Amino acid sequence: MSTFLGMPDPPPRSPYGTGNLRGDRTFPRAAHGELRNDQLRRNLGRATGTIRAKRLDTTGELPDWEALRDAGSAIKTDAMNRLPELLEQLERRVTERGGTVHWARDAAEANETVARLVKATGSDEVIKVKSMATQETGLNEHLESVGITPYETDLAELIVQLAHDKPSHILVPAIHRNRDEIRHIFLDRLPGVDPDLDNVPAHLAAAARGYLREKFLSAKVAVSGANFGVAETGTLAVVESEGNGRMCLTLPETLITVMGIEKVIPRFQDLEVFLQLLPRSSTGERMNPYTSLWSGVTPGDGPRNFHLILLDNGRTAALADAIGRAALNCIRCSACLNVCPVYERTGGHAYGSTYPGPIGAVLTPQLAGMHAAKDDPNSSLPYASSLCGACFDACPVKIDIPSLLVELRHQHTEQTGGTPEKLAMKAAAAVMGRPALYAAAQKASSVLGRGLAGRDGTISRLPPPLSGWSGSRDTAAPPRETFRSWFASDEGAAALRAAATERGTEHGTAHSTEHGTAHSTEHGTAHSTEHGTAHSTADGDEDAT
């Protein structure tokens, strides 16, 4: 007698993230509209081309660049393998240094925590230094809904905020805008701006500086992101190029930092690697103009209250994927966007998420899933790539983005269930496994293809259910005659005999010319000349002598 105890239930799956991690249209539909914007493509092409050239120059200066990439990849992989341990260590160190740590399971919890902390100070406004985590959670919209006014202090973020727009790039959120567009935005939306403002970049920056300086000096609360959080020391790091981060991190009385849990690194020494990788990969600079480090609260210096919010929002779900978890190694440098031919033509808005480009096409489905609803826009993101591999070559921590995209495509196909594509593949397998049926199908496709082909010999539109294929690519029309039928015909046999004869003639002539003539000329003549003449001369002279 045996007793079946049953199979244990699988552990509960971590919830997916919420917030700005899903668009309202699939990538193909969104990209179709963006591709019509000629100005957008010109702006993107000029900006990404400039950054690419600078990056190649500065990375080429380092003889150990590839070793740095290997080191960065190893550090991040180690951190993800030990993430719970490192996060608890980070919490202890921050608390020991006078800070307060909060844990946020999702975007709503993070936003509510920030709003509660701001209200506790009695303030109704905050200044912000660029933080993709708060863009992900939709913090600005939440703060406004509870009567708190957020002010973005990064120039590009300010432009996006004033225009009621969305960021289009990880590093340069307003990359889709040119200087004329920025000038009009400032004239329409920036309080106190000179009505004679022109489009000279220095003048535009000065107008923003004048507006922001008042906010820096009066705000009591600042909200920041973090590029890295060091578990060993409880140190947070922000790198930026304008100095607005330094102002936000030092002047207000209260500082609230929202950091994704994947930003933790083990040791302070690890910053040496990333502070070389990040600036060269992002802006093509040897080092960031401003690198700010802080650990808790220091009496008489900087904010008197420090709060660190550790944001999950789907990151634990991504960590559970043995393959896809590599996307969490990203250090948000944007190098993959700057080399991606798809991003360069569509821009960031087509991706629908806070995270655009190749890394966004991988990270967003990992954080928020691909099957929240029928025709989930996130399910189209893994296909928003040509798989050319440029992103892998550019990534400073060697994330194999093309392989991750292929894996996500596989997961999407497996989770989707029965689809026209699956049925078509099964039908193709059945036909190809039967030679007679395959030959008949070839003849039928040849006749059908000629009827659908245009003058250029391609089929631009196929009937359902194949219309999804032809909707984004042209298909070459099948030839009038299959290879099998040509091979069996008199014409094919004659062509093969002629080719064989020609090849035999060429081979035989070449063989006799190269080997026979060369042998007789080189060896026979040389032998008779060198040995015969030399022998007769030597022997004759000796005899004569």
Protein backbone atom coordinates (compact mmCIF):
# COMPACT_ATOMS: atom_id res chain seq x y z
CA MET A 1 0.00 0.00 0.00
CA SER A 2 1.29 3.45 -0.90
CA THR A 3 0.16 6.90 0.04
CA PHE A 4 0.27 9.78 -2.44
CA LEU A 5 1.03 12.95 -0.61
CA GLY A 6 0.57 15.15 -3.64
CA MET A 7 2.79 17.79 -5.16
CA PRO A 8 3.65 20.90 -3.18
CA ASP A 9 2.10 24.11 -4.37
CA PRO A 10 4.50 26.43 -6.20
CA PRO A 11 5.55 29.47 -4.23
CA PRO A 12 3.42 32.57 -4.82
CA ARG A 13 4.63 34.63 -7.72
CA SER A 14 5.80 38.17 -7.02
CA PRO A 15 3.37 40.75 -8.40
CA TYR A 16 4.15 42.76 -11.49
CA GLY A 17 4.87 46.46 -11.28
CA THR A 18 2.45 49.33 -11.81
CA GLY A 19 2.76 52.92 -12.96
CA ASN A 20 4.11 54.13 -16.28
CA LEU A 21 5.15 50.69 -17.53
CA ARG A 22 2.55 50.15 -20.24
CA GLY A 23 1.46 52.24 -23.20
CA ASP A 24 -2.02 52.44 -24.67
CA ARG A 25 -0.96 51.21 -28.13
CA THR A 26 1.17 48.39 -29.45
CA PHE A 27 4.63 49.34 -30.65
CA PRO A 28 3.87 48.90 -34.39
CA ARG A 29 0.86 51.23 -34.18
CA ALA A 30 2.67 53.82 -32.11
CA ALA A 31 5.77 53.67 -34.32
CA HIS A 32 3.68 54.09 -37.45
CA GLY A 33 2.67 57.55 -36.29
CA GLU A 34 6.13 58.54 -35.07
CA LEU A 35 7.74 57.58 -38.38
CA ARG A 36 5.73 60.32 -40.10
CA ASN A 37 7.42 62.98 -37.97
CA ASP A 38 10.36 64.12 -40.10
CA GLN A 39 11.50 66.66 -37.49
CA LEU A 40 11.62 63.95 -34.84
CA ARG A 41 13.87 61.75 -36.97
CA ARG A 42 16.19 64.65 -37.74
CA ASN A 43 16.45 65.56 -34.04
CA LEU A 44 17.11 61.97 -33.01
CA GLY A 45 19.58 61.29 -35.81
CA ARG A 46 21.65 64.38 -35.01
CA ALA A 47 21.68 63.81 -31.24
CA THR A 48 22.38 60.08 -31.20
CA GLY A 49 25.02 60.42 -33.92
CA THR A 50 26.90 63.01 -31.86
CA ILE A 51 26.76 60.90 -28.69
CA ARG A 52 27.90 57.77 -30.54
CA ALA A 53 30.95 59.53 -31.93
CA LYS A 54 31.95 60.92 -28.52
CA ARG A 55 31.47 57.54 -26.87
CA LEU A 56 33.73 55.79 -29.38
CA ASP A 57 36.45 58.39 -28.82
CA THR A 58 36.45 58.17 -25.02
CA THR A 59 36.11 54.40 -24.75
CA GLY A 60 38.89 53.96 -27.30
CA GLU A 61 41.27 55.82 -24.99
CA LEU A 62 41.18 53.05 -22.37
CA PRO A 63 43.31 49.97 -23.04
CA ASP A 64 41.35 48.07 -20.37
CA TRP A 65 37.85 49.04 -21.54
CA GLU A 66 36.80 45.44 -22.13
CA ALA A 67 38.18 44.44 -18.72
CA LEU A 68 36.09 47.23 -17.14
CA ARG A 69 32.99 45.91 -18.90
CA ASP A 70 33.71 42.42 -17.60
CA ALA A 71 34.17 43.80 -14.09
CA GLY A 72 30.93 45.79 -14.24
CA SER A 73 29.02 42.75 -15.45
CA ALA A 74 30.48 40.55 -12.72
CA ILE A 75 29.69 43.07 -9.94
CA LYS A 76 26.08 43.47 -11.05
CA THR A 77 25.55 39.73 -11.46
CA ASP A 78 26.96 39.15 -7.98
CA ALA A 79 24.67 41.85 -6.58
CA MET A 80 21.57 40.28 -8.15
CA ASN A 81 22.56 36.86 -6.80
CA ARG A 82 22.83 38.30 -3.27
CA LEU A 83 20.14 40.98 -3.52
CA PRO A 84 18.20 40.26 -0.27
CA GLU A 85 21.39 40.14 1.75
CA LEU A 86 22.76 43.36 0.25
CA LEU A 87 19.49 45.27 0.69
CA GLU A 88 19.34 44.38 4.37
CA GLN A 89 22.96 45.48 4.77
CA LEU A 90 22.18 48.77 3.00
CA GLU A 91 19.22 49.35 5.32
CA ARG A 92 21.41 48.79 8.41
CA ARG A 93 24.12 51.17 7.24
CA VAL A 94 21.68 53.95 6.27
CA THR A 95 19.89 53.62 9.62
CA GLU A 96 23.20 53.66 11.53
CA ARG A 97 24.04 56.96 9.84
CA GLY A 98 20.79 58.66 10.81
CA GLY A 99 18.63 57.92 7.78
CA THR A 100 15.25 56.20 7.61
CA VAL A 101 14.53 53.36 5.18
CA HIS A 102 11.09 52.62 3.73
CA TRP A 103 10.16 49.60 1.59
CA ALA A 104 7.68 50.05 -1.28
CA ARG A 105 6.14 47.01 -2.94
CA ASP A 106 4.75 48.94 -5.90
CA ALA A 107 4.34 52.37 -7.45
CA ALA A 108 1.29 53.30 -5.38
CA GLU A 109 3.04 52.52 -2.10
CA ALA A 110 6.12 54.53 -3.11
CA ASN A 111 4.03 57.55 -4.14
CA GLU A 112 1.96 57.47 -0.95
CA THR A 113 5.12 57.27 1.15
CA VAL A 114 6.66 60.30 -0.55
CA ALA A 115 3.45 62.33 -0.23
CA ARG A 116 3.15 61.47 3.47
CA LEU A 117 6.74 62.46 4.17
CA VAL A 118 6.35 65.78 2.32
CA LYS A 119 3.15 66.66 4.14
CA ALA A 120 4.83 65.87 7.47
CA THR A 121 7.24 68.76 6.80
CA GLY A 122 4.40 71.21 6.24
CA SER A 123 5.58 71.96 2.70
CA ASP A 124 3.37 71.99 -0.39
CA GLU A 125 6.16 71.88 -2.99
CA VAL A 126 9.26 69.80 -3.76
CA ILE A 127 12.24 70.14 -6.06
CA LYS A 128 13.41 67.06 -7.92
CA VAL A 129 16.65 65.86 -9.43
CA LYS A 130 16.11 63.51 -12.34
CA SER A 131 14.87 60.11 -11.24
CA MET A 132 13.60 57.43 -13.60
CA ALA A 133 12.16 55.56 -10.63
CA THR A 134 9.74 58.42 -9.91
CA GLN A 135 8.88 58.68 -13.60
CA GLU A 136 8.11 54.97 -13.48
CA THR A 137 5.80 55.37 -10.48
CA GLY A 138 4.11 58.54 -11.79
CA LEU A 139 5.11 60.50 -8.68
CA ASN A 140 4.57 63.97 -10.15
CA GLU A 141 0.96 63.24 -11.05
CA HIS A 142 0.30 61.76 -7.61
CA LEU A 143 1.83 64.73 -5.78
CA GLU A 144 -0.25 67.16 -7.82
CA SER A 145 -3.39 65.18 -7.01
CA VAL A 146 -2.80 65.72 -3.27
CA GLY A 147 -1.91 69.40 -3.52
CA ILE A 148 1.89 69.22 -3.71
CA THR A 149 3.69 70.93 -6.59
CA PRO A 150 6.80 69.18 -7.96
CA TYR A 151 9.47 71.15 -9.84
CA GLU A 152 11.86 69.30 -12.12
CA THR A 153 15.32 70.88 -11.98
CA ASP A 154 17.13 68.97 -14.73
CA LEU A 155 16.93 71.16 -17.85
CA ALA A 156 15.60 68.42 -20.13
CA GLU A 157 13.14 67.23 -17.48
CA LEU A 158 11.98 70.81 -17.00
CA ILE A 159 11.34 71.14 -20.74
CA VAL A 160 9.29 67.93 -20.72
CA GLN A 161 7.34 69.03 -17.64
CA LEU A 162 6.54 72.50 -18.99
CA ALA A 163 5.36 71.03 -22.31
CA HIS A 164 3.16 68.44 -20.54
CA ASP A 165 5.15 65.90 -22.52
CA LYS A 166 6.78 62.56 -21.74
CA PRO A 167 10.50 61.73 -21.74
CA SER A 168 11.79 60.15 -24.94
CA HIS A 169 15.25 59.07 -23.81
CA ILE A 170 16.81 57.64 -20.65
CA LEU A 171 19.59 60.22 -20.44
CA VAL A 172 18.29 63.11 -22.57
CA PRO A 173 14.53 63.17 -21.95
CA ALA A 174 13.93 66.06 -24.37
CA ILE A 175 16.06 64.61 -27.18
CA HIS A 176 13.04 64.79 -29.47
CA ARG A 177 12.92 68.60 -29.16
CA ASN A 178 15.13 71.10 -30.98
CA ARG A 179 16.15 74.57 -29.77
CA ASP A 180 13.32 76.36 -31.61
CA GLU A 181 10.73 74.14 -29.98
CA ILE A 182 12.34 74.70 -26.57
CA ARG A 183 12.30 78.46 -27.07
CA HIS A 184 8.56 78.42 -27.76
CA ILE A 185 7.94 76.21 -24.72
CA PHE A 186 9.83 78.64 -22.48
CA LEU A 187 8.03 81.66 -23.91
CA ASP A 188 4.64 80.03 -23.36
CA ARG A 189 5.15 78.28 -20.03
CA LEU A 190 8.16 79.64 -18.11
CA PRO A 191 7.19 82.39 -15.62
CA GLY A 192 9.09 85.67 -15.94
CA VAL A 193 10.92 84.76 -19.16
CA ASP A 194 12.27 87.56 -21.37
CA PRO A 195 9.82 87.93 -24.31
CA ASP A 196 12.82 88.57 -26.60
CA LEU A 197 14.39 85.20 -25.73
CA ASP A 198 16.17 83.66 -28.74
CA ASN A 199 17.15 80.05 -29.45
CA VAL A 200 20.84 80.30 -28.47
CA PRO A 201 21.48 77.34 -26.11
CA ALA A 202 23.35 79.48 -23.55
CA HIS A 203 20.44 81.92 -23.41
CA LEU A 204 17.90 79.13 -23.02
CA ALA A 205 19.94 77.61 -20.19
CA ALA A 206 20.24 81.03 -18.50
CA ALA A 207 16.45 81.48 -18.62
CA ALA A 208 15.95 78.10 -16.94
CA ARG A 209 18.67 78.86 -14.38
CA GLY A 210 17.01 82.11 -13.35
CA TYR A 211 13.70 80.35 -12.84
CA LEU A 212 15.19 77.41 -10.92
CA ARG A 213 17.52 79.37 -8.65
CA GLU A 214 14.57 80.74 -6.69
CA LYS A 215 13.22 77.20 -6.22
CA PHE A 216 16.57 75.89 -5.01
CA LEU A 217 16.83 78.59 -2.35
CA SER A 218 13.24 78.35 -1.08
CA ALA A 219 12.32 74.66 -1.22
CA LYS A 220 12.35 72.71 2.04
CA VAL A 221 12.02 69.23 0.51
CA ALA A 222 13.86 67.55 -2.34
CA VAL A 223 13.19 64.23 -4.08
CA SER A 224 16.03 62.44 -5.81
CA GLY A 225 16.83 59.19 -7.51
CA ALA A 226 20.05 57.22 -7.09
CA ASN A 227 22.44 55.78 -9.61
CA PHE A 228 23.98 53.47 -7.03
CA GLY A 229 23.46 52.44 -3.42
CA VAL A 230 26.50 50.97 -1.64
CA ALA A 231 25.55 48.20 0.79
CA GLU A 232 28.92 48.25 2.56
CA THR A 233 28.72 51.91 3.69
CA GLY A 234 25.11 53.00 3.17
CA THR A 235 26.31 55.55 0.60
CA LEU A 236 24.02 56.82 -2.17
CA ALA A 237 25.37 58.25 -5.41
CA VAL A 238 23.92 60.57 -8.06
CA VAL A 239 25.83 61.61 -11.18
CA GLU A 240 24.73 64.53 -13.35
CA SER A 241 26.13 67.26 -15.54
CA GLU A 242 24.36 70.52 -14.65
CA GLY A 243 24.83 70.99 -10.90
CA ASN A 244 21.10 70.91 -10.19
CA GLY A 245 21.60 67.61 -8.40
CA ARG A 246 24.16 69.13 -6.06
CA MET A 247 21.70 71.91 -5.19
CA CYS A 248 18.83 69.49 -4.52
CA LEU A 249 20.95 67.17 -2.42
CA THR A 250 22.47 69.83 -0.13
CA LEU A 251 20.13 72.82 0.31
CA PRO A 252 16.71 71.47 1.42
CA GLU A 253 16.00 70.45 5.02
CA THR A 254 14.55 67.07 4.00
CA LEU A 255 15.82 64.73 1.27
CA ILE A 256 13.77 61.80 0.02
CA THR A 257 15.51 59.33 -2.31
CA VAL A 258 13.56 56.78 -4.34
CA MET A 259 15.81 53.94 -5.50
CA GLY A 260 15.02 50.76 -7.40
CA ILE A 261 16.29 47.78 -5.44
CA GLU A 262 18.46 46.66 -8.39
CA LYS A 263 20.68 49.74 -7.98
CA VAL A 264 22.48 48.29 -4.96
CA ILE A 265 26.15 47.32 -5.31
CA PRO A 266 28.23 45.45 -2.71
CA ARG A 267 31.27 47.62 -1.96
CA PHE A 268 32.34 51.24 -2.05
CA GLN A 269 35.32 50.13 -4.14
CA ASP A 270 32.89 49.02 -6.88
CA LEU A 271 32.12 52.67 -7.63
CA GLU A 272 35.57 52.91 -9.22
CA VAL A 273 34.39 50.64 -12.04
CA PHE A 274 30.99 52.23 -12.62
CA LEU A 275 32.20 55.83 -12.44
CA GLN A 276 34.40 54.98 -15.44
CA LEU A 277 31.82 52.96 -17.35
CA LEU A 278 28.80 55.22 -16.91
CA PRO A 279 29.98 58.63 -18.19
CA ARG A 280 31.81 57.20 -21.19
CA SER A 281 28.83 55.08 -22.18
CA SER A 282 26.17 57.72 -21.58
CA THR A 283 27.52 61.11 -22.68
CA GLY A 284 30.94 60.22 -24.06
CA GLU A 285 32.65 62.09 -21.20
CA ARG A 286 35.65 60.85 -19.24
CA MET A 287 33.92 61.67 -15.97
CA ASN A 288 30.67 63.23 -14.83
CA PRO A 289 30.92 66.95 -14.07
CA TYR A 290 29.03 66.41 -10.78
CA THR A 291 29.23 63.24 -8.70
CA SER A 292 27.39 63.52 -5.38
CA LEU A 293 27.81 60.96 -2.57
CA TRP A 294 26.00 61.05 0.76
CA SER A 295 25.52 58.69 3.68
CA GLY A 296 22.66 59.35 6.05
CA VAL A 297 22.64 62.65 7.93
CA THR A 298 25.64 64.78 8.88
CA PRO A 299 25.00 67.40 11.60
CA GLY A 300 25.56 70.93 10.30
CA ASP A 301 26.01 69.81 6.69
CA GLY A 302 23.25 69.14 4.21
CA PRO A 303 19.67 67.97 4.89
CA ARG A 304 18.64 67.35 8.50
CA ASN A 305 16.31 64.48 7.53
CA PHE A 306 17.04 61.73 5.04
CA HIS A 307 14.60 59.07 3.84
CA LEU A 308 15.45 56.22 1.46
CA ILE A 309 12.56 54.45 -0.29
CA LEU A 310 13.55 51.06 -1.73
CA LEU A 311 11.26 50.36 -4.68
CA ASP A 312 10.38 46.86 -5.87
CA ASN A 313 7.55 47.39 -8.39
CA GLY A 314 8.10 44.20 -10.34
CA ARG A 315 11.82 43.85 -9.82
CA THR A 316 11.43 40.74 -7.69
CA ALA A 317 9.28 39.26 -10.46
CA ALA A 318 12.07 39.97 -12.95
CA LEU A 319 14.65 38.51 -10.57
CA ALA A 320 12.71 35.22 -10.53
CA ASP A 321 13.32 34.74 -14.26
CA ALA A 322 16.60 32.84 -14.52
CA ILE A 323 17.30 34.28 -17.98
CA GLY A 324 15.52 37.63 -18.01
CA ARG A 325 16.95 38.76 -14.67
CA ALA A 326 20.08 39.92 -16.54
CA ALA A 327 18.09 43.01 -17.55
CA LEU A 328 18.33 44.19 -13.93
CA ASN A 329 22.07 44.69 -14.44
CA CYS A 330 21.29 47.85 -16.44
CA ILE A 331 22.94 51.03 -15.12
CA ARG A 332 20.71 53.34 -17.23
CA CYS A 333 23.50 54.71 -19.42
CA SER A 334 21.36 54.77 -22.62
CA ALA A 335 24.21 53.47 -24.82
CA CYS A 336 21.88 50.88 -26.33
CA LEU A 337 19.39 53.58 -27.40
CA ASN A 338 22.07 55.63 -29.11
CA VAL A 339 23.14 52.75 -31.39
CA CYS A 340 19.71 51.23 -32.05
CA PRO A 341 18.42 51.77 -35.63
CA VAL A 342 14.83 51.18 -34.48
CA TYR A 343 14.96 53.74 -31.67
CA GLU A 344 16.67 56.31 -33.89
CA ARG A 345 13.70 56.26 -36.25
CA THR A 346 10.80 55.95 -33.83
CA GLY A 347 11.92 57.75 -30.67
CA GLY A 348 11.05 56.78 -27.13
CA HIS A 349 7.32 57.52 -27.05
CA ALA A 350 6.51 54.57 -29.31
CA TYR A 351 7.57 52.17 -26.54
CA GLY A 352 4.84 53.44 -24.21
CA SER A 353 6.94 52.89 -21.08
CA THR A 354 9.25 55.01 -18.94
CA TYR A 355 12.03 52.78 -20.30
CA PRO A 356 12.40 53.08 -24.09
CA GLY A 357 14.81 51.55 -26.58
CA PRO A 358 16.34 48.07 -26.54
CA ILE A 359 16.69 47.85 -22.75
CA GLY A 360 13.11 49.06 -22.35
CA ALA A 361 11.89 46.39 -24.75
CA VAL A 362 13.43 43.84 -22.36
CA LEU A 363 12.95 45.48 -18.97
CA THR A 364 9.35 46.68 -19.31
CA PRO A 365 7.85 43.22 -20.02
CA GLN A 366 9.92 41.85 -17.15
CA LEU A 367 8.61 44.45 -14.68
CA ALA A 368 4.98 44.68 -15.81
CA GLY A 369 4.28 41.49 -17.76
CA MET A 370 3.00 40.94 -21.28
CA HIS A 371 -0.47 39.53 -20.67
CA ALA A 372 -2.35 42.00 -18.48
CA ALA A 373 -5.10 42.16 -21.11
CA LYS A 374 -5.86 41.03 -24.63
CA ASP A 375 -3.42 42.58 -27.12
CA ASP A 376 -1.29 43.89 -24.25
CA PRO A 377 1.00 46.61 -25.72
CA ASN A 378 3.93 45.16 -23.76
CA SER A 379 3.66 41.90 -25.72
CA SER A 380 4.79 43.77 -28.84
CA LEU A 381 7.96 45.20 -27.26
CA PRO A 382 10.19 42.11 -27.66
CA TYR A 383 9.55 42.38 -31.40
CA ALA A 384 10.60 46.06 -31.55
CA SER A 385 14.11 45.11 -32.64
CA SER A 386 16.02 43.97 -35.70
CA LEU A 387 18.28 41.82 -33.44
CA CYS A 388 21.30 43.43 -35.10
CA GLY A 389 23.32 43.12 -31.86
CA ALA A 390 24.56 46.73 -31.72
CA CYS A 391 23.02 47.13 -28.25
CA PHE A 392 24.99 44.16 -26.90
CA ASP A 393 28.23 45.58 -28.31
CA ALA A 394 27.58 48.98 -26.71
CA CYS A 395 26.31 47.85 -23.29
CA PRO A 396 28.94 48.68 -20.62
CA VAL A 397 27.87 45.72 -18.46
CA LYS A 398 27.48 43.31 -21.38
CA ILE A 399 23.75 42.60 -21.15
CA ASP A 400 22.96 40.28 -24.06
CA ILE A 401 19.83 42.18 -25.05
CA PRO A 402 19.23 40.33 -28.37
CA SER A 403 19.18 36.96 -26.60
CA LEU A 404 16.82 38.33 -23.94
CA LEU A 405 14.50 39.63 -26.65
CA VAL A 406 14.43 36.20 -28.29
CA GLU A 407 13.68 34.60 -24.91
CA LEU A 408 10.80 37.02 -24.30
CA ARG A 409 9.43 36.25 -27.76
CA HIS A 410 9.52 32.58 -26.81
CA GLN A 411 7.74 33.27 -23.52
CA HIS A 412 5.11 35.35 -25.28
CA THR A 413 4.46 32.60 -27.81
CA GLU A 414 4.20 29.93 -25.11
CA GLN A 415 1.83 31.99 -22.98
CA THR A 416 -0.37 33.14 -25.82
CA GLY A 417 -1.81 29.66 -26.57
CA GLY A 418 -3.34 28.88 -29.94
CA THR A 419 -2.61 31.57 -32.52
CA PRO A 420 -2.77 31.72 -36.32
CA GLU A 421 1.02 31.70 -36.35
CA LYS A 422 1.19 28.49 -34.33
CA LEU A 423 -1.39 26.83 -36.55
CA ALA A 424 0.52 27.93 -39.65
CA MET A 425 3.76 26.46 -38.29
CA LYS A 426 2.06 23.17 -37.48
CA ALA A 427 0.56 23.02 -40.96
CA ALA A 428 3.95 23.79 -42.52
CA ALA A 429 5.58 21.00 -40.48
CA ALA A 430 2.92 18.52 -41.62
CA VAL A 431 3.36 19.48 -45.29
CA MET A 432 7.18 19.45 -45.22
CA GLY A 433 7.17 15.99 -43.64
CA ARG A 434 5.40 14.51 -46.69
CA PRO A 435 7.36 14.86 -49.97
CA ALA A 436 4.37 14.39 -52.28
CA LEU A 437 2.28 16.88 -50.35
CA TYR A 438 5.20 19.32 -50.23
CA ALA A 439 5.63 19.14 -54.03
CA ALA A 440 1.91 19.77 -54.54
CA ALA A 441 2.04 22.72 -52.13
CA GLN A 442 4.97 24.19 -54.07
CA LYS A 443 3.03 24.07 -57.32
CA ALA A 444 -0.04 25.60 -55.71
CA SER A 445 1.96 28.42 -54.07
CA SER A 446 3.63 29.22 -57.39
CA VAL A 447 0.27 29.71 -59.08
CA LEU A 448 -1.21 31.64 -56.14
CA GLY A 449 1.93 33.76 -55.69
CA ARG A 450 1.97 34.94 -59.30
CA GLY A 451 -1.60 36.09 -58.88
CA LEU A 452 -0.79 38.13 -55.75
CA ALA A 453 2.57 39.58 -56.83
CA GLY A 454 2.93 43.13 -58.04
CA ARG A 455 4.99 44.42 -60.91
CA ASP A 456 8.13 44.40 -58.78
CA GLY A 457 7.79 40.66 -58.20
CA THR A 458 6.93 40.96 -54.49
CA ILE A 459 3.74 40.31 -52.54
CA SER A 460 2.89 43.30 -50.34
CA ARG A 461 -0.41 42.00 -48.96
CA LEU A 462 -1.41 38.45 -48.07
CA PRO A 463 -4.91 37.30 -47.16
CA PRO A 464 -5.78 36.52 -43.51
CA PRO A 465 -4.46 34.92 -41.39
CA LEU A 466 -1.15 35.75 -43.13
CA SER A 467 -1.94 39.47 -43.30
CA GLY A 468 -0.07 40.01 -40.03
CA TRP A 469 3.13 38.90 -41.75
CA SER A 470 2.72 41.04 -44.85
CA GLY A 471 1.59 44.03 -42.80
CA SER A 472 5.21 44.86 -41.93
CA ARG A 473 7.25 43.23 -44.72
CA ASP A 474 7.16 42.35 -48.42
CA THR A 475 7.40 38.75 -49.54
CA ALA A 476 9.16 37.59 -52.69
CA ALA A 477 6.74 35.85 -55.07
CA PRO A 478 7.39 32.10 -55.54
CA PRO A 479 9.23 31.29 -58.80
CA ARG A 480 7.23 30.02 -61.77
CA GLU A 481 9.07 26.72 -61.63
CA THR A 482 10.28 24.90 -58.52
CA PHE A 483 13.81 23.56 -58.27
CA ARG A 484 12.51 20.00 -58.12
CA SER A 485 10.59 20.32 -61.40
CA TRP A 486 13.48 22.08 -63.10
CA PHE A 487 15.91 19.41 -61.89
CA ALA A 488 13.72 16.66 -63.37
CA SER A 489 13.19 18.44 -66.71
CA ASP A 490 15.22 18.00 -69.93
CA GLU A 491 16.40 21.59 -69.57
CA GLY A 492 17.72 20.94 -66.09
CA ALA A 493 19.44 17.70 -67.12
CA ALA A 494 21.11 19.43 -70.11
CA ALA A 495 22.26 22.33 -67.93
CA LEU A 496 23.76 19.96 -65.40
CA ARG A 497 25.57 17.94 -68.12
CA ALA A 498 26.95 21.13 -69.67
CA ALA A 499 28.14 22.33 -66.30
CA ALA A 500 29.78 19.01 -65.55
CA THR A 501 31.51 18.95 -68.97
CA GLU A 502 32.73 22.50 -68.58
CA ARG A 503 34.01 21.80 -65.11
CA GLY A 504 35.75 18.62 -66.27
CA THR A 505 37.36 20.41 -69.23
CA GLU A 506 38.59 23.23 -67.07
CA HIS A 507 39.89 20.83 -64.43
CA GLY A 508 41.61 18.55 -66.97
CA THR A 509 43.24 21.38 -68.90
CA ALA A 510 44.32 23.05 -65.72
CA HIS A 511 45.70 19.77 -64.40
CA SER A 512 47.71 19.01 -67.56
CA THR A 513 48.91 22.59 -67.86
CA GLU A 514 49.82 23.07 -64.23
CA HIS A 515 51.19 19.62 -63.53
CA GLY A 516 52.26 18.06 -66.88
CA THR A 517 53.78 21.08 -68.60
CA ALA A 518 55.17 22.49 -65.39
CA HIS A 519 56.68 19.16 -64.51
CA SER A 520 58.32 18.63 -67.88
CA THR A 521 59.46 22.23 -68.15
CA GLU A 522 60.65 22.73 -64.60
CA HIS A 523 62.02 19.27 -63.93
CA GLY A 524 62.97 17.96 -67.39
CA THR A 525 64.65 21.07 -68.71
CA ALA A 526 66.13 21.91 -65.38
CA HIS A 527 67.44 18.36 -65.03
CA SER A 528 68.98 18.28 -68.50
CA THR A 529 70.37 21.78 -68.17
CA GLU A 530 71.67 21.57 -64.66
CA HIS A 531 72.74 17.92 -64.61
CA GLY A 532 73.41 17.04 -68.26
CA THR A 533 75.32 20.17 -69.22
CA ALA A 534 77.03 20.42 -65.89
CA HIS A 535 78.03 16.76 -66.13
CA SER A 536 79.38 17.02 -69.66
CA THR A 537 81.16 20.23 -68.94
CA ALA A 538 82.65 19.05 -65.74
CA ASP A 539 83.57 15.64 -67.06
CA GLY A 540 84.74 16.96 -70.42
CA ASP A 541 86.96 19.60 -68.87
CA GLU A 542 88.41 17.12 -66.49
CA ASP A 543 89.09 14.61 -69.27
CA ALA A 544 90.55 17.34 -71.41
CA THR A 545 92.66 18.45 -68.58
